[in-house]
Amino acid sequence: MAASSSSSLVSVEASFFENLKGFILAVVSSAFIGSSFIVKKLGLQRAGASGTRARSGGYGYLKEPLWWIGMITMIVGELANFVAYMFAPAVLVTPLGALSIIVSAVLAHFFLKEKLQKMGILGCVLCIVGSTLIVLHAPSESSLTSVEEIWELATQPAFLLYLASAIAIVLVLILYCEPRYGQTNIMVYIGICSIIGSLTVMSVKAVGIAIKLTIEGSSQAASFQTWVFVMVAITCIITQLNYLNKVSAYISSFFASIFSFSGFEIRKIKS
């Protein structure tokens, strides 16, 4: 009886420390991600002052150190967020992810002099609550243990149909809609980022599994599927960053963080 109680106490204590690690990582992640939008926005503004703006097709921000600092900050934050899900359940990590929006709002007020109206605040609150509810009530994700398993799922007829549809829509948005409506309708860029995002999550998850298996001793470097997923991930991430910069050039950093938070949580369910 005493041994059983002791074992139960140890289990509870271990669970507490695991959740604490996840909590700390989630808070740190939110701070980094929220501040990254401000730093990138400052970088875009500085680059735009001396060249073609990002929303006009310019890439001068790639030479701006401040923009790269913002990108590195965002990458660190996203990595911390992914690791947080390894230690703590979604019911804890997901709501904490919304702190990035608060961080972004506070910093934008002081550094970018951005002001948010009441309707904007209400819309943001609804967005946060909706995204959180979707994640918390989503079905449990299946356990994938190999790159081949993901490849098998990715080559099923239903997914191939989705893939073809997604690529077709993105091409229409990039080749037809962007030149005509990109300067006046932000939904063109948001649509491109959102659709490509679903492919990014799938490919990044596959690469993550390949890295994990390789570290554990089962090398995945010889598998051609691994390199296909690597190329897809790189292509999708670069495309997303390009159009996310255009979105950031149009709207406030606060709203950019809203789109990022909502998009990530919903794409997390899709994956």
Protein backbone atom coordinates (compact mmCIF):
# COMPACT_ATOMS: atom_id res chain seq x y z
CA MET A 1 0.00 0.00 0.00
CA ALA A 2 2.81 2.38 1.00
CA ALA A 3 4.78 1.44 -2.13
CA SER A 4 1.73 2.19 -4.30
CA SER A 5 1.23 5.61 -2.68
CA SER A 6 4.91 6.43 -3.08
CA SER A 7 4.82 5.45 -6.76
CA SER A 8 1.73 7.58 -7.33
CA LEU A 9 3.37 10.57 -5.63
CA VAL A 10 6.47 10.24 -7.80
CA SER A 11 4.28 10.05 -10.92
CA VAL A 12 2.36 13.20 -9.95
CA GLU A 13 5.60 15.05 -9.18
CA ALA A 14 7.11 14.02 -12.52
CA SER A 15 3.97 15.17 -14.33
CA PHE A 16 4.10 18.52 -12.51
CA PHE A 17 7.68 19.18 -13.57
CA GLU A 18 6.93 18.14 -17.15
CA ASN A 19 4.02 20.60 -17.27
CA LEU A 20 6.20 23.27 -15.66
CA LYS A 21 8.79 22.85 -18.41
CA GLY A 22 6.05 23.13 -21.03
CA PHE A 23 4.63 26.22 -19.30
CA ILE A 24 7.99 28.00 -19.19
CA LEU A 25 8.76 27.13 -22.81
CA ALA A 26 5.32 28.33 -23.94
CA VAL A 27 5.72 31.68 -22.15
CA VAL A 28 9.24 32.15 -23.55
CA SER A 29 7.95 31.20 -27.00
CA SER A 30 5.17 33.80 -26.83
CA ALA A 31 7.61 36.51 -25.78
CA PHE A 32 9.96 35.75 -28.68
CA ILE A 33 7.23 35.39 -31.31
CA GLY A 34 5.36 38.50 -30.18
CA SER A 35 8.48 40.66 -30.20
CA SER A 36 9.65 39.24 -33.54
CA PHE A 37 6.75 40.91 -35.37
CA ILE A 38 7.82 44.29 -34.03
CA VAL A 39 11.47 43.82 -34.92
CA LYS A 40 10.63 42.58 -38.43
CA LYS A 41 8.23 45.48 -38.95
CA LEU A 42 10.94 47.94 -37.95
CA GLY A 43 13.29 46.19 -40.37
CA LEU A 44 10.72 46.41 -43.18
CA GLN A 45 10.19 50.10 -42.50
CA ARG A 46 13.91 50.80 -42.51
CA ALA A 47 14.42 48.82 -45.72
CA GLY A 48 11.41 50.50 -47.36
CA ALA A 49 12.80 53.94 -46.59
CA SER A 50 15.83 53.29 -48.77
CA GLY A 51 14.36 51.07 -51.50
CA THR A 52 11.31 49.28 -52.89
CA ARG A 53 8.85 48.24 -50.21
CA ALA A 54 8.08 44.55 -49.61
CA ARG A 55 4.43 44.99 -50.59
CA SER A 56 5.56 46.40 -53.94
CA GLY A 57 7.72 43.37 -54.64
CA GLY A 58 10.98 44.64 -53.18
CA TYR A 59 13.46 42.42 -51.35
CA GLY A 60 15.66 45.09 -49.84
CA TYR A 61 14.72 43.83 -46.37
CA LEU A 62 17.00 40.83 -46.97
CA LYS A 63 19.93 43.23 -46.60
CA GLU A 64 18.51 44.72 -43.41
CA PRO A 65 20.12 43.26 -40.22
CA LEU A 66 17.13 44.28 -38.11
CA TRP A 67 14.80 42.14 -40.23
CA TRP A 68 17.10 39.14 -39.83
CA ILE A 69 17.17 39.66 -36.07
CA GLY A 70 13.37 39.53 -36.14
CA MET A 71 13.42 36.34 -38.21
CA ILE A 72 15.87 34.63 -35.86
CA THR A 73 13.73 35.70 -32.91
CA MET A 74 10.65 34.17 -34.54
CA ILE A 75 12.45 30.91 -35.34
CA VAL A 76 13.65 30.58 -31.73
CA GLY A 77 10.10 31.23 -30.52
CA GLU A 78 8.55 28.66 -32.86
CA LEU A 79 11.11 26.03 -31.86
CA ALA A 80 10.36 26.67 -28.18
CA ASN A 81 6.66 26.33 -28.93
CA PHE A 82 7.09 22.96 -30.66
CA VAL A 83 9.19 21.66 -27.77
CA ALA A 84 6.59 22.91 -25.28
CA TYR A 85 4.02 20.55 -26.84
CA MET A 86 6.40 17.68 -26.08
CA PHE A 87 6.27 18.38 -22.34
CA ALA A 88 2.78 19.77 -21.71
CA PRO A 89 -0.70 19.08 -23.11
CA ALA A 90 -2.38 21.37 -25.65
CA VAL A 91 -4.86 22.50 -22.99
CA LEU A 92 -1.95 24.31 -21.29
CA VAL A 93 0.28 25.34 -24.20
CA THR A 94 -2.36 26.63 -26.63
CA PRO A 95 -3.89 29.38 -24.44
CA LEU A 96 -0.38 30.53 -23.49
CA GLY A 97 0.38 30.92 -27.19
CA ALA A 98 -2.10 33.79 -27.26
CA LEU A 99 0.30 35.75 -25.03
CA SER A 100 2.30 36.50 -28.19
CA ILE A 101 -0.57 38.70 -29.35
CA ILE A 102 -0.53 40.66 -26.08
CA VAL A 103 3.25 41.06 -26.27
CA SER A 104 2.95 42.25 -29.86
CA ALA A 105 0.19 44.73 -28.99
CA VAL A 106 2.13 46.27 -26.09
CA LEU A 107 5.39 46.57 -28.02
CA ALA A 108 3.61 47.91 -31.13
CA HIS A 109 2.05 50.65 -29.01
CA PHE A 110 5.42 51.84 -27.70
CA PHE A 111 7.76 51.21 -30.64
CA LEU A 112 5.50 51.55 -33.69
CA LYS A 113 2.91 53.95 -32.26
CA GLU A 114 0.11 51.66 -33.44
CA LYS A 115 -3.35 52.13 -31.94
CA LEU A 116 -6.08 49.51 -31.84
CA GLN A 117 -9.77 50.44 -32.00
CA LYS A 118 -12.48 48.74 -29.90
CA MET A 119 -13.85 46.68 -32.79
CA GLY A 120 -10.34 45.54 -33.61
CA ILE A 121 -9.82 44.43 -30.01
CA LEU A 122 -13.14 42.54 -30.05
CA GLY A 123 -12.24 40.82 -33.31
CA CYS A 124 -8.85 39.79 -31.96
CA VAL A 125 -10.39 38.38 -28.76
CA LEU A 126 -12.87 36.34 -30.81
CA CYS A 127 -10.04 35.11 -33.00
CA ILE A 128 -7.98 33.99 -30.00
CA VAL A 129 -10.94 32.29 -28.30
CA GLY A 130 -12.02 30.57 -31.52
CA SER A 131 -8.55 29.26 -32.33
CA THR A 132 -8.08 28.00 -28.78
CA LEU A 133 -11.45 26.22 -28.73
CA ILE A 134 -10.73 24.53 -32.06
CA VAL A 135 -7.42 23.16 -30.80
CA LEU A 136 -8.72 22.04 -27.40
CA HIS A 137 -11.65 20.14 -28.92
CA ALA A 138 -9.81 18.72 -31.91
CA PRO A 139 -9.55 14.92 -32.25
CA SER A 140 -6.34 13.35 -30.99
CA GLU A 141 -3.68 13.19 -33.68
CA SER A 142 -2.47 9.84 -34.96
CA SER A 143 0.97 8.65 -33.95
CA LEU A 144 3.35 8.58 -36.93
CA THR A 145 6.62 6.74 -36.46
CA SER A 146 8.31 6.76 -39.88
CA VAL A 147 8.79 8.88 -42.99
CA GLU A 148 7.41 6.05 -45.10
CA GLU A 149 4.19 6.15 -43.09
CA ILE A 150 3.72 9.84 -43.84
CA TRP A 151 4.60 9.23 -47.49
CA GLU A 152 1.94 6.52 -47.67
CA LEU A 153 -0.65 8.95 -46.31
CA ALA A 154 0.54 11.73 -48.62
CA THR A 155 0.16 9.56 -51.73
CA GLN A 156 -3.42 8.51 -51.06
CA PRO A 157 -5.93 9.67 -53.72
CA ALA A 158 -7.80 11.99 -51.35
CA PHE A 159 -4.66 13.87 -50.34
CA LEU A 160 -3.33 13.99 -53.91
CA LEU A 161 -6.63 15.62 -54.93
CA TYR A 162 -6.24 18.16 -52.12
CA LEU A 163 -2.60 18.76 -53.11
CA ALA A 164 -3.52 19.37 -56.76
CA SER A 165 -6.34 21.71 -55.74
CA ALA A 166 -4.10 23.63 -53.32
CA ILE A 167 -1.34 24.09 -55.91
CA ALA A 168 -3.88 25.19 -58.55
CA ILE A 169 -5.45 27.77 -56.23
CA VAL A 170 -2.05 29.11 -55.14
CA LEU A 171 -0.92 29.47 -58.77
CA VAL A 172 -4.12 31.37 -59.62
CA LEU A 173 -3.59 33.66 -56.62
CA ILE A 174 0.08 34.29 -57.47
CA LEU A 175 -0.13 34.56 -61.27
CA TYR A 176 -3.56 36.16 -61.73
CA CYS A 177 -4.86 37.71 -58.52
CA GLU A 178 -1.67 39.19 -57.07
CA PRO A 179 -0.74 41.40 -60.07
CA ARG A 180 -4.33 42.70 -60.29
CA TYR A 181 -5.57 42.81 -56.70
CA GLY A 182 -2.52 42.32 -54.48
CA GLN A 183 -2.07 46.04 -53.87
CA THR A 184 -5.71 46.54 -52.83
CA ASN A 185 -6.85 43.25 -51.29
CA ILE A 186 -4.81 41.73 -48.46
CA MET A 187 -6.81 38.47 -48.66
CA VAL A 188 -4.74 37.49 -51.71
CA TYR A 189 -1.58 37.25 -49.61
CA ILE A 190 -3.37 35.71 -46.64
CA GLY A 191 -4.88 33.06 -48.92
CA ILE A 192 -1.47 32.15 -50.32
CA CYS A 193 0.10 31.88 -46.85
CA SER A 194 -2.79 29.82 -45.44
CA ILE A 195 -2.95 27.26 -48.24
CA ILE A 196 0.80 26.75 -48.43
CA GLY A 197 0.88 26.55 -44.63
CA SER A 198 -0.98 23.24 -44.62
CA LEU A 199 1.72 21.73 -46.84
CA THR A 200 4.46 23.28 -44.72
CA VAL A 201 3.23 21.62 -41.53
CA MET A 202 3.01 18.18 -43.15
CA SER A 203 6.49 18.36 -44.67
CA VAL A 204 8.11 19.81 -41.54
CA LYS A 205 6.54 17.05 -39.43
CA ALA A 206 7.99 14.45 -41.81
CA VAL A 207 11.45 16.06 -41.61
CA GLY A 208 11.15 16.18 -37.82
CA ILE A 209 10.38 12.47 -37.65
CA ALA A 210 13.33 11.73 -39.96
CA ILE A 211 15.69 13.71 -37.71
CA LYS A 212 14.34 12.01 -34.59
CA LEU A 213 14.77 8.52 -36.06
CA THR A 214 18.27 9.36 -37.29
CA ILE A 215 19.30 10.55 -33.81
CA GLU A 216 17.91 7.33 -32.33
CA GLY A 217 20.15 5.30 -34.65
CA SER A 218 17.87 4.59 -37.61
CA SER A 219 19.29 6.81 -40.37
CA GLN A 220 16.72 8.21 -42.82
CA ALA A 221 19.28 9.92 -45.09
CA ALA A 222 19.12 7.12 -47.66
CA SER A 223 15.34 7.42 -48.01
CA PHE A 224 14.32 9.49 -51.05
CA GLN A 225 11.07 10.39 -49.28
CA THR A 226 13.06 12.29 -46.67
CA TRP A 227 14.66 14.54 -49.29
CA VAL A 228 11.36 15.10 -51.08
CA PHE A 229 9.86 16.35 -47.81
CA VAL A 230 12.97 18.51 -47.17
CA MET A 231 12.61 20.21 -50.57
CA VAL A 232 8.87 20.71 -50.09
CA ALA A 233 9.45 22.20 -46.64
CA ILE A 234 12.14 24.62 -47.87
CA THR A 235 10.04 25.73 -50.86
CA CYS A 236 6.90 26.26 -48.79
CA ILE A 237 8.69 28.10 -45.96
CA ILE A 238 10.45 30.51 -48.34
CA THR A 239 7.19 31.20 -50.19
CA GLN A 240 5.32 31.76 -46.93
CA LEU A 241 7.95 34.15 -45.60
CA ASN A 242 7.85 36.17 -48.81
CA TYR A 243 4.10 36.72 -48.66
CA LEU A 244 4.00 37.07 -44.88
CA ASN A 245 6.38 40.01 -45.28
CA LYS A 246 3.95 41.56 -47.76
CA VAL A 247 1.11 41.07 -45.26
CA SER A 248 3.22 42.69 -42.53
CA ALA A 249 3.89 45.66 -44.79
CA TYR A 250 0.15 46.26 -45.21
CA ILE A 251 -1.22 45.74 -41.71
CA SER A 252 -0.15 46.47 -38.14
CA SER A 253 2.18 44.09 -36.32
CA PHE A 254 -0.63 43.33 -33.90
CA PHE A 255 -2.89 41.96 -36.63
CA ALA A 256 0.05 40.14 -38.21
CA SER A 257 0.54 38.28 -34.92
CA ILE A 258 -3.20 37.43 -34.93
CA PHE A 259 -2.93 35.83 -38.37
CA SER A 260 0.19 33.95 -37.32
CA PHE A 261 -1.34 32.57 -34.11
CA SER A 262 -4.63 31.53 -35.72
CA GLY A 263 -2.97 30.10 -38.79
CA PHE A 264 -0.48 28.02 -36.83
CA GLU A 265 -3.05 26.52 -34.47
CA ILE A 266 -5.47 25.60 -37.26
CA ARG A 267 -2.69 24.16 -39.44
CA LYS A 268 -1.54 22.16 -36.42
CA ILE A 269 -4.93 20.40 -36.45
CA LYS A 270 -4.74 19.77 -40.21
CA SER A 271 -1.41 18.02 -39.77
